[in-house]
Amino acid sequence: MKLKKMISVCLLFVLLLAGSLWIDQTMRSSEKTKPEEVAEEMAADTEKMTESMSHLSYTKYYVHASEGYVVIYQADHETVYCETSIRVEHLPEELQSGLKEGIALCSDEELYEFLENYSS
């Protein structure tokens, strides 16, 4: 009877030891992957936020073409801010294609620079 008890106690001890080693190994492996996973998640979240906020940059003016001339509209694309004497045909090709959708200008400085570069 003593031998049976001793074997049972030893078996229980071995099972407890094996279980604690398994739990320890599991915890260590999850600790190693956790910072990596967190870093990946943070990078993905940052990228998503950057993409979603990119359209929030404040656009003050849009440059469009109207009847062969460059026209400056306010941010609503409807209110004319300024009609220019700049002919669309005198602009570089890449600007001419951009005028169809509107060229965004975010500040007065950008507007004046555009007008200065392409006037006369």
PDB file of N, CA and C in Angstrom:
ATOM      1  N   MET A   1       0.807  -1.178   0.000  1.00  0.00           N
ATOM      2  CA  MET A   1       0.000   0.000   0.000  1.00  0.00           C
ATOM      3  C   MET A   1       0.860   1.256   0.000  1.00  0.00           C
ATOM      4  N   LYS A   2       1.951   1.221   0.761  1.00  0.00           N
ATOM      5  CA  LYS A   2       2.852   2.368   0.792  1.00  0.00           C
ATOM      6  C   LYS A   2       3.461   2.611  -0.573  1.00  0.00           C
ATOM      7  N   LEU A   3       3.789   1.545  -1.261  1.00  0.00           N
ATOM      8  CA  LEU A   3       4.398   1.661  -2.578  1.00  0.00           C
ATOM      9  C   LEU A   3       3.419   2.291  -3.573  1.00  0.00           C
ATOM     10  N   LYS A   4       2.167   1.901  -3.481  1.00  0.00           N
ATOM     11  CA  LYS A   4       1.143   2.451  -4.367  1.00  0.00           C
ATOM     12  C   LYS A   4       0.986   3.950  -4.127  1.00  0.00           C
ATOM     13  N   LYS A   5       0.972   4.375  -2.853  1.00  0.00           N
ATOM     14  CA  LYS A   5       0.858   5.796  -2.508  1.00  0.00           C
ATOM     15  C   LYS A   5       2.064   6.565  -3.022  1.00  0.00           C
ATOM     16  N   MET A   6       3.244   5.978  -2.846  1.00  0.00           N
ATOM     17  CA  MET A   6       4.470   6.641  -3.263  1.00  0.00           C
ATOM     18  C   MET A   6       4.510   6.806  -4.787  1.00  0.00           C
ATOM     19  N   ILE A   7       4.077   5.791  -5.506  1.00  0.00           N
ATOM     20  CA  ILE A   7       4.036   5.886  -6.971  1.00  0.00           C
ATOM     21  C   ILE A   7       3.033   6.956  -7.396  1.00  0.00           C
ATOM     22  N   SER A   8       1.888   7.006  -6.729  1.00  0.00           N
ATOM     23  CA  SER A   8       0.864   8.009  -7.047  1.00  0.00           C
ATOM     24  C   SER A   8       1.387   9.419  -6.798  1.00  0.00           C
ATOM     25  N   VAL A   9       2.070   9.616  -5.678  1.00  0.00           N
ATOM     26  CA  VAL A   9       2.629  10.930  -5.348  1.00  0.00           C
ATOM     27  C   VAL A   9       3.703  11.313  -6.359  1.00  0.00           C
ATOM     28  N   CYS A  10       4.564  10.368  -6.702  1.00  0.00           N
ATOM     29  CA  CYS A  10       5.618  10.652  -7.702  1.00  0.00           C
ATOM     30  C   CYS A  10       5.007  10.977  -9.058  1.00  0.00           C
ATOM     31  N   LEU A  11       4.003  10.216  -9.455  1.00  0.00           N
ATOM     32  CA  LEU A  11       3.335  10.468 -10.729  1.00  0.00           C
ATOM     33  C   LEU A  11       2.671  11.843 -10.728  1.00  0.00           C
ATOM     34  N   LEU A  12       2.023  12.192  -9.636  1.00  0.00           N
ATOM     35  CA  LEU A  12       1.401  13.507  -9.508  1.00  0.00           C
ATOM     36  C   LEU A  12       2.453  14.605  -9.591  1.00  0.00           C
ATOM     37  N   PHE A  13       3.576  14.406  -8.917  1.00  0.00           N
ATOM     38  CA  PHE A  13       4.669  15.375  -8.949  1.00  0.00           C
ATOM     39  C   PHE A  13       5.209  15.550 -10.373  1.00  0.00           C
ATOM     40  N   VAL A  14       5.400  14.452 -11.086  1.00  0.00           N
ATOM     41  CA  VAL A  14       5.903  14.507 -12.464  1.00  0.00           C
ATOM     42  C   VAL A  14       4.904  15.248 -13.354  1.00  0.00           C
ATOM     43  N   LEU A  15       3.622  14.961 -13.198  1.00  0.00           N
ATOM     44  CA  LEU A  15       2.593  15.644 -13.994  1.00  0.00           C
ATOM     45  C   LEU A  15       2.557  17.143 -13.692  1.00  0.00           C
ATOM     46  N   LEU A  16       2.661  17.496 -12.425  1.00  0.00           N
ATOM     47  CA  LEU A  16       2.683  18.919 -12.054  1.00  0.00           C
ATOM     48  C   LEU A  16       3.920  19.614 -12.615  1.00  0.00           C
ATOM     49  N   LEU A  17       5.050  18.956 -12.542  1.00  0.00           N
ATOM     50  CA  LEU A  17       6.288  19.513 -13.083  1.00  0.00           C
ATOM     51  C   LEU A  17       6.181  19.699 -14.598  1.00  0.00           C
ATOM     52  N   ALA A  18       5.667  18.688 -15.277  1.00  0.00           N
ATOM     53  CA  ALA A  18       5.511  18.776 -16.735  1.00  0.00           C
ATOM     54  C   ALA A  18       4.531  19.897 -17.100  1.00  0.00           C
ATOM     55  N   GLY A  19       3.446  20.002 -16.349  1.00  0.00           N
ATOM     56  CA  GLY A  19       2.463  21.057 -16.612  1.00  0.00           C
ATOM     57  C   GLY A  19       3.037  22.443 -16.398  1.00  0.00           C
ATOM     58  N   SER A  20       3.797  22.608 -15.325  1.00  0.00           N
ATOM     59  CA  SER A  20       4.382  23.930 -15.061  1.00  0.00           C
ATOM     60  C   SER A  20       5.432  24.285 -16.105  1.00  0.00           C
ATOM     61  N   LEU A  21       6.214  23.297 -16.558  1.00  0.00           N
ATOM     62  CA  LEU A  21       7.187  23.551 -17.627  1.00  0.00           C
ATOM     63  C   LEU A  21       6.484  23.931 -18.931  1.00  0.00           C
ATOM     64  N   TRP A  22       5.399  23.250 -19.231  1.00  0.00           N
ATOM     65  CA  TRP A  22       4.635  23.562 -20.444  1.00  0.00           C
ATOM     66  C   TRP A  22       4.055  24.978 -20.380  1.00  0.00           C
ATOM     67  N   ILE A  23       3.483  25.352 -19.242  1.00  0.00           N
ATOM     68  CA  ILE A  23       2.926  26.700 -19.065  1.00  0.00           C
ATOM     69  C   ILE A  23       4.025  27.749 -19.172  1.00  0.00           C
ATOM     70  N   ASP A  24       5.167  27.483 -18.548  1.00  0.00           N
ATOM     71  CA  ASP A  24       6.297  28.412 -18.613  1.00  0.00           C
ATOM     72  C   ASP A  24       6.757  28.609 -20.056  1.00  0.00           C
ATOM     73  N   GLN A  25       6.881  27.518 -20.799  1.00  0.00           N
ATOM     74  CA  GLN A  25       7.310  27.598 -22.198  1.00  0.00           C
ATOM     75  C   GLN A  25       6.288  28.373 -23.033  1.00  0.00           C
ATOM     76  N   THR A  26       5.021  28.133 -22.805  1.00  0.00           N
ATOM     77  CA  THR A  26       3.961  28.833 -23.537  1.00  0.00           C
ATOM     78  C   THR A  26       3.999  30.330 -23.248  1.00  0.00           C
ATOM     79  N   MET A  27       4.182  30.688 -21.998  1.00  0.00           N
ATOM     80  CA  MET A  27       4.241  32.104 -21.621  1.00  0.00           C
ATOM     81  C   MET A  27       5.443  32.789 -22.258  1.00  0.00           C
ATOM     82  N   ARG A  28       6.576  32.127 -22.249  1.00  0.00           N
ATOM     83  CA  ARG A  28       7.783  32.720 -22.835  1.00  0.00           C
ATOM     84  C   ARG A  28       7.637  32.916 -24.342  1.00  0.00           C
ATOM     85  N   SER A  29       7.061  31.951 -25.018  1.00  0.00           N
ATOM     86  CA  SER A  29       6.908  32.083 -26.470  1.00  0.00           C
ATOM     87  C   SER A  29       5.895  33.172 -26.808  1.00  0.00           C
ATOM     88  N   SER A  30       4.845  33.322 -26.000  1.00  0.00           N
ATOM     89  CA  SER A  30       3.870  34.380 -26.277  1.00  0.00           C
ATOM     90  C   SER A  30       4.454  35.755 -25.967  1.00  0.00           C
ATOM     91  N   GLU A  31       5.352  35.840 -24.978  1.00  0.00           N
ATOM     92  CA  GLU A  31       6.005  37.110 -24.681  1.00  0.00           C
ATOM     93  C   GLU A  31       6.924  37.535 -25.812  1.00  0.00           C
ATOM     94  N   LYS A  32       7.547  36.580 -26.468  1.00  0.00           N
ATOM     95  CA  LYS A  32       8.443  36.906 -27.578  1.00  0.00           C
ATOM     96  C   LYS A  32       7.666  37.411 -28.783  1.00  0.00           C
ATOM     97  N   THR A  33       6.530  36.824 -29.058  1.00  0.00           N
ATOM     98  CA  THR A  33       5.768  37.234 -30.234  1.00  0.00           C
ATOM     99  C   THR A  33       4.902  38.454 -29.958  1.00  0.00           C
ATOM    100  N   LYS A  34       4.565  38.689 -28.731  1.00  0.00           N
ATOM    101  CA  LYS A  34       3.693  39.806 -28.419  1.00  0.00           C
ATOM    102  C   LYS A  34       4.253  41.154 -28.864  1.00  0.00           C
ATOM    103  N   PRO A  35       5.468  41.525 -28.510  1.00  0.00           N
ATOM    104  CA  PRO A  35       5.974  42.822 -28.958  1.00  0.00           C
ATOM    105  C   PRO A  35       6.036  42.925 -30.485  1.00  0.00           C
ATOM    106  N   GLU A  36       6.371  41.823 -31.142  1.00  0.00           N
ATOM    107  CA  GLU A  36       6.406  41.844 -32.598  1.00  0.00           C
ATOM    108  C   GLU A  36       5.013  42.076 -33.159  1.00  0.00           C
ATOM    109  N   GLU A  37       4.028  41.370 -32.596  1.00  0.00           N
ATOM    110  CA  GLU A  37       2.655  41.531 -33.057  1.00  0.00           C
ATOM    111  C   GLU A  37       2.163  42.945 -32.794  1.00  0.00           C
ATOM    112  N   VAL A  38       2.469  43.462 -31.622  1.00  0.00           N
ATOM    113  CA  VAL A  38       2.051  44.822 -31.283  1.00  0.00           C
ATOM    114  C   VAL A  38       2.685  45.826 -32.239  1.00  0.00           C
ATOM    115  N   ALA A  39       3.957  45.649 -32.542  1.00  0.00           N
ATOM    116  CA  ALA A  39       4.639  46.560 -33.463  1.00  0.00           C
ATOM    117  C   ALA A  39       4.014  46.500 -34.847  1.00  0.00           C
ATOM    118  N   GLU A  40       3.687  45.296 -35.308  1.00  0.00           N
ATOM    119  CA  GLU A  40       3.050  45.157 -36.614  1.00  0.00           C
ATOM    120  C   GLU A  40       1.674  45.809 -36.622  1.00  0.00           C
ATOM    121  N   GLU A  41       0.898  45.589 -35.569  1.00  0.00           N
ATOM    122  CA  GLU A  41      -0.428  46.188 -35.477  1.00  0.00           C
ATOM    123  C   GLU A  41      -0.333  47.709 -35.443  1.00  0.00           C
ATOM    124  N   MET A  42       0.637  48.230 -34.688  1.00  0.00           N
ATOM    125  CA  MET A  42       0.799  49.682 -34.614  1.00  0.00           C
ATOM    126  C   MET A  42       1.189  50.255 -35.967  1.00  0.00           C
ATOM    127  N   ALA A  43       2.065  49.577 -36.687  1.00  0.00           N
ATOM    128  CA  ALA A  43       2.466  50.046 -38.011  1.00  0.00           C
ATOM    129  C   ALA A  43       1.277  50.039 -38.960  1.00  0.00           C
ATOM    130  N   ALA A  44       0.472  48.991 -38.903  1.00  0.00           N
ATOM    131  CA  ALA A  44      -0.708  48.913 -39.762  1.00  0.00           C
ATOM    132  C   ALA A  44      -1.711  50.004 -39.401  1.00  0.00           C
ATOM    133  N   ASP A  45      -1.930  50.223 -38.104  1.00  0.00           N
ATOM    134  CA  ASP A  45      -2.855  51.267 -37.671  1.00  0.00           C
ATOM    135  C   ASP A  45      -2.368  52.647 -38.081  1.00  0.00           C
ATOM    136  N   THR A  46      -1.069  52.885 -37.943  1.00  0.00           N
ATOM    137  CA  THR A  46      -0.502  54.172 -38.336  1.00  0.00           C
ATOM    138  C   THR A  46      -0.684  54.405 -39.822  1.00  0.00           C
ATOM    139  N   GLU A  47      -0.464  53.370 -40.601  1.00  0.00           N
ATOM    140  CA  GLU A  47      -0.628  53.497 -42.050  1.00  0.00           C
ATOM    141  C   GLU A  47      -2.084  53.790 -42.404  1.00  0.00           C
ATOM    142  N   LYS A  48      -3.017  53.099 -41.743  1.00  0.00           N
ATOM    143  CA  LYS A  48      -4.439  53.338 -41.997  1.00  0.00           C
ATOM    144  C   LYS A  48      -4.822  54.768 -41.626  1.00  0.00           C
ATOM    145  N   MET A  49      -4.326  55.246 -40.472  1.00  0.00           N
ATOM    146  CA  MET A  49      -4.645  56.611 -40.058  1.00  0.00           C
ATOM    147  C   MET A  49      -4.073  57.625 -41.025  1.00  0.00           C
ATOM    148  N   THR A  50      -2.860  57.388 -41.481  1.00  0.00           N
ATOM    149  CA  THR A  50      -2.230  58.304 -42.425  1.00  0.00           C
ATOM    150  C   THR A  50      -3.031  58.372 -43.707  1.00  0.00           C
ATOM    151  N   GLU A  51      -3.461  57.214 -44.195  1.00  0.00           N
ATOM    152  CA  GLU A  51      -4.263  57.184 -45.411  1.00  0.00           C
ATOM    153  C   GLU A  51      -5.592  57.892 -45.206  1.00  0.00           C
ATOM    154  N   SER A  52      -6.240  57.645 -44.079  1.00  0.00           N
ATOM    155  CA  SER A  52      -7.549  58.240 -43.860  1.00  0.00           C
ATOM    156  C   SER A  52      -7.463  59.739 -43.602  1.00  0.00           C
ATOM    157  N   MET A  53      -6.334  60.218 -43.099  1.00  0.00           N
ATOM    158  CA  MET A  53      -6.202  61.640 -42.815  1.00  0.00           C
ATOM    159  C   MET A  53      -5.595  62.423 -43.968  1.00  0.00           C
ATOM    160  N   SER A  54      -5.097  61.726 -44.984  1.00  0.00           N
ATOM    161  CA  SER A  54      -4.435  62.429 -46.079  1.00  0.00           C
ATOM    162  C   SER A  54      -5.387  63.366 -46.807  1.00  0.00           C
ATOM    163  N   HIS A  55      -6.671  63.014 -46.862  1.00  0.00           N
ATOM    164  CA  HIS A  55      -7.623  63.879 -47.548  1.00  0.00           C
ATOM    165  C   HIS A  55      -8.012  65.093 -46.704  1.00  0.00           C
ATOM    166  N   LEU A  56      -7.601  65.120 -45.443  1.00  0.00           N
ATOM    167  CA  LEU A  56      -7.960  66.213 -44.556  1.00  0.00           C
ATOM    168  C   LEU A  56      -7.054  67.431 -44.684  1.00  0.00           C
ATOM    169  N   SER A  57      -6.000  67.319 -45.485  1.00  0.00           N
ATOM    170  CA  SER A  57      -5.149  68.490 -45.649  1.00  0.00           C
ATOM    171  C   SER A  57      -6.005  69.595 -46.260  1.00  0.00           C
ATOM    172  N   TYR A  58      -5.940  70.753 -45.701  1.00  0.00           N
ATOM    173  CA  TYR A  58      -6.820  71.846 -46.060  1.00  0.00           C
ATOM    174  C   TYR A  58      -6.454  72.402 -47.426  1.00  0.00           C
ATOM    175  N   THR A  59      -7.381  72.275 -48.367  1.00  0.00           N
ATOM    176  CA  THR A  59      -7.199  72.831 -49.696  1.00  0.00           C
ATOM    177  C   THR A  59      -7.993  74.124 -49.763  1.00  0.00           C
ATOM    178  N   LYS A  60      -7.329  75.191 -50.146  1.00  0.00           N
ATOM    179  CA  LYS A  60      -7.964  76.494 -50.170  1.00  0.00           C
ATOM    180  C   LYS A  60      -8.488  76.855 -51.557  1.00  0.00           C
ATOM    181  N   TYR A  61      -7.755  76.434 -52.596  1.00  0.00           N
ATOM    182  CA  TYR A  61      -8.131  76.780 -53.964  1.00  0.00           C
ATOM    183  C   TYR A  61      -7.985  75.574 -54.882  1.00  0.00           C
ATOM    184  N   TYR A  62      -8.738  75.611 -55.984  1.00  0.00           N
ATOM    185  CA  TYR A  62      -8.573  74.643 -57.063  1.00  0.00           C
ATOM    186  C   TYR A  62      -8.425  75.403 -58.362  1.00  0.00           C
ATOM    187  N   VAL A  63      -7.487  74.942 -59.173  1.00  0.00           N
ATOM    188  CA  VAL A  63      -7.246  75.550 -60.474  1.00  0.00           C
ATOM    189  C   VAL A  63      -7.926  74.666 -61.514  1.00  0.00           C
ATOM    190  N   HIS A  64      -8.821  75.268 -62.314  1.00  0.00           N
ATOM    191  CA  HIS A  64      -9.544  74.550 -63.364  1.00  0.00           C
ATOM    192  C   HIS A  64      -9.398  75.305 -64.679  1.00  0.00           C
ATOM    193  N   ALA A  65      -9.858  74.672 -65.743  1.00  0.00           N
ATOM    194  CA  ALA A  65      -9.906  75.319 -67.053  1.00  0.00           C
ATOM    195  C   ALA A  65     -11.357  75.649 -67.366  1.00  0.00           C
ATOM    196  N   SER A  66     -11.565  76.823 -67.948  1.00  0.00           N
ATOM    197  CA  SER A  66     -12.901  77.225 -68.371  1.00  0.00           C
ATOM    198  C   SER A  66     -12.773  78.047 -69.643  1.00  0.00           C
ATOM    199  N   GLU A  67     -13.372  77.531 -70.705  1.00  0.00           N
ATOM    200  CA  GLU A  67     -13.369  78.209 -72.006  1.00  0.00           C
ATOM    201  C   GLU A  67     -11.957  78.556 -72.472  1.00  0.00           C
ATOM    202  N   GLY A  68     -11.027  77.654 -72.227  1.00  0.00           N
ATOM    203  CA  GLY A  68      -9.661  77.831 -72.700  1.00  0.00           C
ATOM    204  C   GLY A  68      -8.761  78.651 -71.795  1.00  0.00           C
ATOM    205  N   TYR A  69      -9.280  79.126 -70.675  1.00  0.00           N
ATOM    206  CA  TYR A  69      -8.497  79.934 -69.739  1.00  0.00           C
ATOM    207  C   TYR A  69      -8.442  79.260 -68.370  1.00  0.00           C
ATOM    208  N   VAL A  70      -7.429  79.611 -67.605  1.00  0.00           N
ATOM    209  CA  VAL A  70      -7.280  79.098 -66.243  1.00  0.00           C
ATOM    210  C   VAL A  70      -8.152  79.926 -65.313  1.00  0.00           C
ATOM    211  N   VAL A  71      -8.944  79.224 -64.505  1.00  0.00           N
ATOM    212  CA  VAL A  71      -9.826  79.877 -63.536  1.00  0.00           C
ATOM    213  C   VAL A  71      -9.525  79.287 -62.161  1.00  0.00           C
ATOM    214  N   ILE A  72      -9.452  80.159 -61.162  1.00  0.00           N
ATOM    215  CA  ILE A  72      -9.189  79.736 -59.786  1.00  0.00           C
ATOM    216  C   ILE A  72     -10.519  79.688 -59.040  1.00  0.00           C
ATOM    217  N   TYR A  73     -10.807  78.528 -58.467  1.00  0.00           N
ATOM    218  CA  TYR A  73     -12.026  78.353 -57.682  1.00  0.00           C
ATOM    219  C   TYR A  73     -11.666  78.202 -56.210  1.00  0.00           C
ATOM    220  N   GLN A  74     -12.625  78.549 -55.356  1.00  0.00           N
ATOM    221  CA  GLN A  74     -12.439  78.298 -53.932  1.00  0.00           C
ATOM    222  C   GLN A  74     -12.598  76.802 -53.680  1.00  0.00           C
ATOM    223  N   ALA A  75     -12.385  76.374 -52.469  1.00  0.00           N
ATOM    224  CA  ALA A  75     -12.335  74.949 -52.130  1.00  0.00           C
ATOM    225  C   ALA A  75     -13.606  74.186 -52.494  1.00  0.00           C
ATOM    226  N   ASP A  76     -14.724  74.859 -52.651  1.00  0.00           N
ATOM    227  CA  ASP A  76     -15.973  74.172 -52.981  1.00  0.00           C
ATOM    228  C   ASP A  76     -16.088  73.789 -54.458  1.00  0.00           C
ATOM    229  N   HIS A  77     -15.115  74.168 -55.276  1.00  0.00           N
ATOM    230  CA  HIS A  77     -15.082  73.897 -56.721  1.00  0.00           C
ATOM    231  C   HIS A  77     -16.173  74.654 -57.485  1.00  0.00           C
ATOM    232  N   GLU A  78     -16.930  75.514 -56.825  1.00  0.00           N
ATOM    233  CA  GLU A  78     -18.031  76.214 -57.486  1.00  0.00           C
ATOM    234  C   GLU A  78     -17.839  77.726 -57.497  1.00  0.00           C
ATOM    235  N   THR A  79     -17.364  78.276 -56.400  1.00  0.00           N
ATOM    236  CA  THR A  79     -17.219  79.721 -56.273  1.00  0.00           C
ATOM    237  C   THR A  79     -15.936  80.171 -56.952  1.00  0.00           C
ATOM    238  N   VAL A  80     -16.095  81.049 -57.956  1.00  0.00           N
ATOM    239  CA  VAL A  80     -14.926  81.548 -58.685  1.00  0.00           C
ATOM    240  C   VAL A  80     -14.200  82.552 -57.806  1.00  0.00           C
ATOM    241  N   TYR A  81     -12.923  82.309 -57.607  1.00  0.00           N
ATOM    242  CA  TYR A  81     -12.087  83.227 -56.845  1.00  0.00           C
ATOM    243  C   TYR A  81     -11.424  84.235 -57.774  1.00  0.00           C
ATOM    244  N   CYS A  82     -10.976  83.738 -58.939  1.00  0.00           N
ATOM    245  CA  CYS A  82     -10.245  84.612 -59.853  1.00  0.00           C
ATOM    246  C   CYS A  82     -10.276  84.019 -61.259  1.00  0.00           C
ATOM    247  N   GLU A  83     -10.591  84.842 -62.238  1.00  0.00           N
ATOM    248  CA  GLU A  83     -10.460  84.440 -63.637  1.00  0.00           C
ATOM    249  C   GLU A  83      -9.154  85.033 -64.147  1.00  0.00           C
ATOM    250  N   THR A  84      -8.354  84.215 -64.803  1.00  0.00           N
ATOM    251  CA  THR A  84      -7.045  84.685 -65.252  1.00  0.00           C
ATOM    252  C   THR A  84      -7.029  84.842 -66.769  1.00  0.00           C
ATOM    253  N   SER A  85      -5.970  85.434 -67.243  1.00  0.00           N
ATOM    254  CA  SER A  85      -5.770  85.550 -68.693  1.00  0.00           C
ATOM    255  C   SER A  85      -4.789  84.486 -69.188  1.00  0.00           C
ATOM    256  N   ILE A  86      -4.531  83.494 -68.359  1.00  0.00           N
ATOM    257  CA  ILE A  86      -3.608  82.418 -68.721  1.00  0.00           C
ATOM    258  C   ILE A  86      -4.354  81.426 -69.612  1.00  0.00           C
ATOM    259  N   ARG A  87      -3.854  81.230 -70.815  1.00  0.00           N
ATOM    260  CA  ARG A  87      -4.470  80.284 -71.744  1.00  0.00           C
ATOM    261  C   ARG A  87      -4.002  78.869 -71.394  1.00  0.00           C
ATOM    262  N   VAL A  88      -4.943  77.953 -71.395  1.00  0.00           N
ATOM    263  CA  VAL A  88      -4.651  76.561 -71.062  1.00  0.00           C
ATOM    264  C   VAL A  88      -3.628  75.981 -72.030  1.00  0.00           C
ATOM    265  N   GLU A  89      -3.705  76.346 -73.283  1.00  0.00           N
ATOM    266  CA  GLU A  89      -2.795  75.790 -74.295  1.00  0.00           C
ATOM    267  C   GLU A  89      -1.342  76.183 -74.067  1.00  0.00           C
ATOM    268  N   HIS A  90      -1.098  77.229 -73.265  1.00  0.00           N
ATOM    269  CA  HIS A  90       0.272  77.656 -72.976  1.00  0.00           C
ATOM    270  C   HIS A  90       0.882  76.926 -71.773  1.00  0.00           C
ATOM    271  N   LEU A  91       0.098  76.099 -71.117  1.00  0.00           N
ATOM    272  CA  LEU A  91       0.580  75.359 -69.946  1.00  0.00           C
ATOM    273  C   LEU A  91       1.213  74.035 -70.371  1.00  0.00           C
ATOM    274  N   PRO A  92       2.113  73.499 -69.564  1.00  0.00           N
ATOM    275  CA  PRO A  92       2.680  72.174 -69.850  1.00  0.00           C
ATOM    276  C   PRO A  92       1.578  71.101 -69.875  1.00  0.00           C
ATOM    277  N   GLU A  93       1.819  70.030 -70.603  1.00  0.00           N
ATOM    278  CA  GLU A  93       0.831  68.951 -70.774  1.00  0.00           C
ATOM    279  C   GLU A  93       0.336  68.388 -69.440  1.00  0.00           C
ATOM    280  N   GLU A  94       1.253  68.155 -68.494  1.00  0.00           N
ATOM    281  CA  GLU A  94       0.839  67.553 -67.219  1.00  0.00           C
ATOM    282  C   GLU A  94      -0.108  68.466 -66.448  1.00  0.00           C
ATOM    283  N   LEU A  95       0.084  69.770 -66.568  1.00  0.00           N
ATOM    284  CA  LEU A  95      -0.841  70.705 -65.915  1.00  0.00           C
ATOM    285  C   LEU A  95      -2.181  70.718 -66.634  1.00  0.00           C
ATOM    286  N   GLN A  96      -2.155  70.665 -67.950  1.00  0.00           N
ATOM    287  CA  GLN A  96      -3.406  70.660 -68.709  1.00  0.00           C
ATOM    288  C   GLN A  96      -4.270  69.462 -68.331  1.00  0.00           C
ATOM    289  N   SER A  97      -3.664  68.303 -68.181  1.00  0.00           N
ATOM    290  CA  SER A  97      -4.442  67.119 -67.790  1.00  0.00           C
ATOM    291  C   SER A  97      -4.928  67.230 -66.345  1.00  0.00           C
ATOM    292  N   GLY A  98      -4.164  67.873 -65.485  1.00  0.00           N
ATOM    293  CA  GLY A  98      -4.574  68.054 -64.092  1.00  0.00           C
ATOM    294  C   GLY A  98      -5.719  69.031 -63.922  1.00  0.00           C
ATOM    295  N   LEU A  99      -5.892  69.924 -64.882  1.00  0.00           N
ATOM    296  CA  LEU A  99      -6.953  70.926 -64.787  1.00  0.00           C
ATOM    297  C   LEU A  99      -8.344  70.306 -64.888  1.00  0.00           C
ATOM    298  N   LYS A 100      -8.458  69.153 -65.505  1.00  0.00           N
ATOM    299  CA  LYS A 100      -9.770  68.508 -65.649  1.00  0.00           C
ATOM    300  C   LYS A 100     -10.371  68.179 -64.289  1.00  0.00           C
ATOM    301  N   GLU A 101      -9.548  67.656 -63.388  1.00  0.00           N
ATOM    302  CA  GLU A 101     -10.019  67.321 -62.043  1.00  0.00           C
ATOM    303  C   GLU A 101      -9.812  68.475 -61.074  1.00  0.00           C
ATOM    304  N   GLY A 102      -8.939  69.377 -61.425  1.00  0.00           N
ATOM    305  CA  GLY A 102      -8.625  70.505 -60.563  1.00  0.00           C
ATOM    306  C   GLY A 102      -7.299  70.309 -59.868  1.00  0.00           C
ATOM    307  N   ILE A 103      -6.480  71.318 -59.899  1.00  0.00           N
ATOM    308  CA  ILE A 103      -5.187  71.279 -59.222  1.00  0.00           C
ATOM    309  C   ILE A 103      -5.372  71.943 -57.864  1.00  0.00           C
ATOM    310  N   ALA A 104      -5.087  71.206 -56.799  1.00  0.00           N
ATOM    311  CA  ALA A 104      -5.298  71.703 -55.437  1.00  0.00           C
ATOM    312  C   ALA A 104      -4.144  72.598 -55.013  1.00  0.00           C
ATOM    313  N   LEU A 105      -4.496  73.731 -54.440  1.00  0.00           N
ATOM    314  CA  LEU A 105      -3.516  74.651 -53.859  1.00  0.00           C
ATOM    315  C   LEU A 105      -3.946  74.902 -52.418  1.00  0.00           C
ATOM    316  N   CYS A 106      -3.027  74.718 -51.490  1.00  0.00           N
ATOM    317  CA  CYS A 106      -3.378  74.751 -50.069  1.00  0.00           C
ATOM    318  C   CYS A 106      -3.179  76.103 -49.396  1.00  0.00           C
ATOM    319  N   SER A 107      -2.580  77.056 -50.084  1.00  0.00           N
ATOM    320  CA  SER A 107      -2.328  78.337 -49.423  1.00  0.00           C
ATOM    321  C   SER A 107      -2.306  79.462 -50.446  1.00  0.00           C
ATOM    322  N   ASP A 108      -2.367  80.680 -49.931  1.00  0.00           N
ATOM    323  CA  ASP A 108      -2.252  81.848 -50.802  1.00  0.00           C
ATOM    324  C   ASP A 108      -0.892  81.865 -51.490  1.00  0.00           C
ATOM    325  N   GLU A 109       0.133  81.448 -50.759  1.00  0.00           N
ATOM    326  CA  GLU A 109       1.482  81.437 -51.328  1.00  0.00           C
ATOM    327  C   GLU A 109       1.560  80.515 -52.542  1.00  0.00           C
ATOM    328  N   GLU A 110       0.956  79.319 -52.428  1.00  0.00           N
ATOM    329  CA  GLU A 110       0.952  78.398 -53.566  1.00  0.00           C
ATOM    330  C   GLU A 110       0.200  78.993 -54.747  1.00  0.00           C
ATOM    331  N   LEU A 111      -0.898  79.668 -54.469  1.00  0.00           N
ATOM    332  CA  LEU A 111      -1.666  80.302 -55.541  1.00  0.00           C
ATOM    333  C   LEU A 111      -0.842  81.378 -56.226  1.00  0.00           C
ATOM    334  N   TYR A 112      -0.225  82.255 -55.462  1.00  0.00           N
ATOM    335  CA  TYR A 112       0.572  83.334 -56.049  1.00  0.00           C
ATOM    336  C   TYR A 112       1.761  82.781 -56.823  1.00  0.00           C
ATOM    337  N   GLU A 113       2.362  81.720 -56.304  1.00  0.00           N
ATOM    338  CA  GLU A 113       3.484  81.098 -57.002  1.00  0.00           C
ATOM    339  C   GLU A 113       3.023  80.520 -58.343  1.00  0.00           C
ATOM    340  N   PHE A 114       1.871  79.863 -58.334  1.00  0.00           N
ATOM    341  CA  PHE A 114       1.329  79.310 -59.578  1.00  0.00           C
ATOM    342  C   PHE A 114       1.067  80.421 -60.587  1.00  0.00           C
ATOM    343  N   LEU A 115       0.389  81.468 -60.125  1.00  0.00           N
ATOM    344  CA  LEU A 115       0.061  82.576 -61.033  1.00  0.00           C
ATOM    345  C   LEU A 115       1.322  83.263 -61.542  1.00  0.00           C
ATOM    346  N   GLU A 116       2.286  83.424 -60.685  1.00  0.00           N
ATOM    347  CA  GLU A 116       3.538  84.067 -61.073  1.00  0.00           C
ATOM    348  C   GLU A 116       4.298  83.234 -62.107  1.00  0.00           C
ATOM    349  N   ASN A 117       4.289  81.926 -61.933  1.00  0.00           N
ATOM    350  CA  ASN A 117       5.019  81.048 -62.848  1.00  0.00           C
ATOM    351  C   ASN A 117       4.391  80.966 -64.234  1.00  0.00           C
ATOM    352  N   TYR A 118       3.070  81.057 -64.322  1.00  0.00           N
ATOM    353  CA  TYR A 118       2.417  80.806 -65.605  1.00  0.00           C
ATOM    354  C   TYR A 118       1.763  82.038 -66.221  1.00  0.00           C
ATOM    355  N   SER A 119       1.840  83.174 -65.575  1.00  0.00           N
ATOM    356  CA  SER A 119       1.347  84.413 -66.189  1.00  0.00           C
ATOM    357  C   SER A 119       2.424  84.962 -67.108  1.00  0.00           C
ATOM    358  N   SER A 120       2.011  85.452 -68.231  1.00  0.00           N
ATOM    359  CA  SER A 120       2.900  86.066 -69.246  1.00  0.00           C
ATOM    360  C   SER A 120       3.991  85.176 -69.716  1.00  0.00           C
TER     361      SER A 120
END
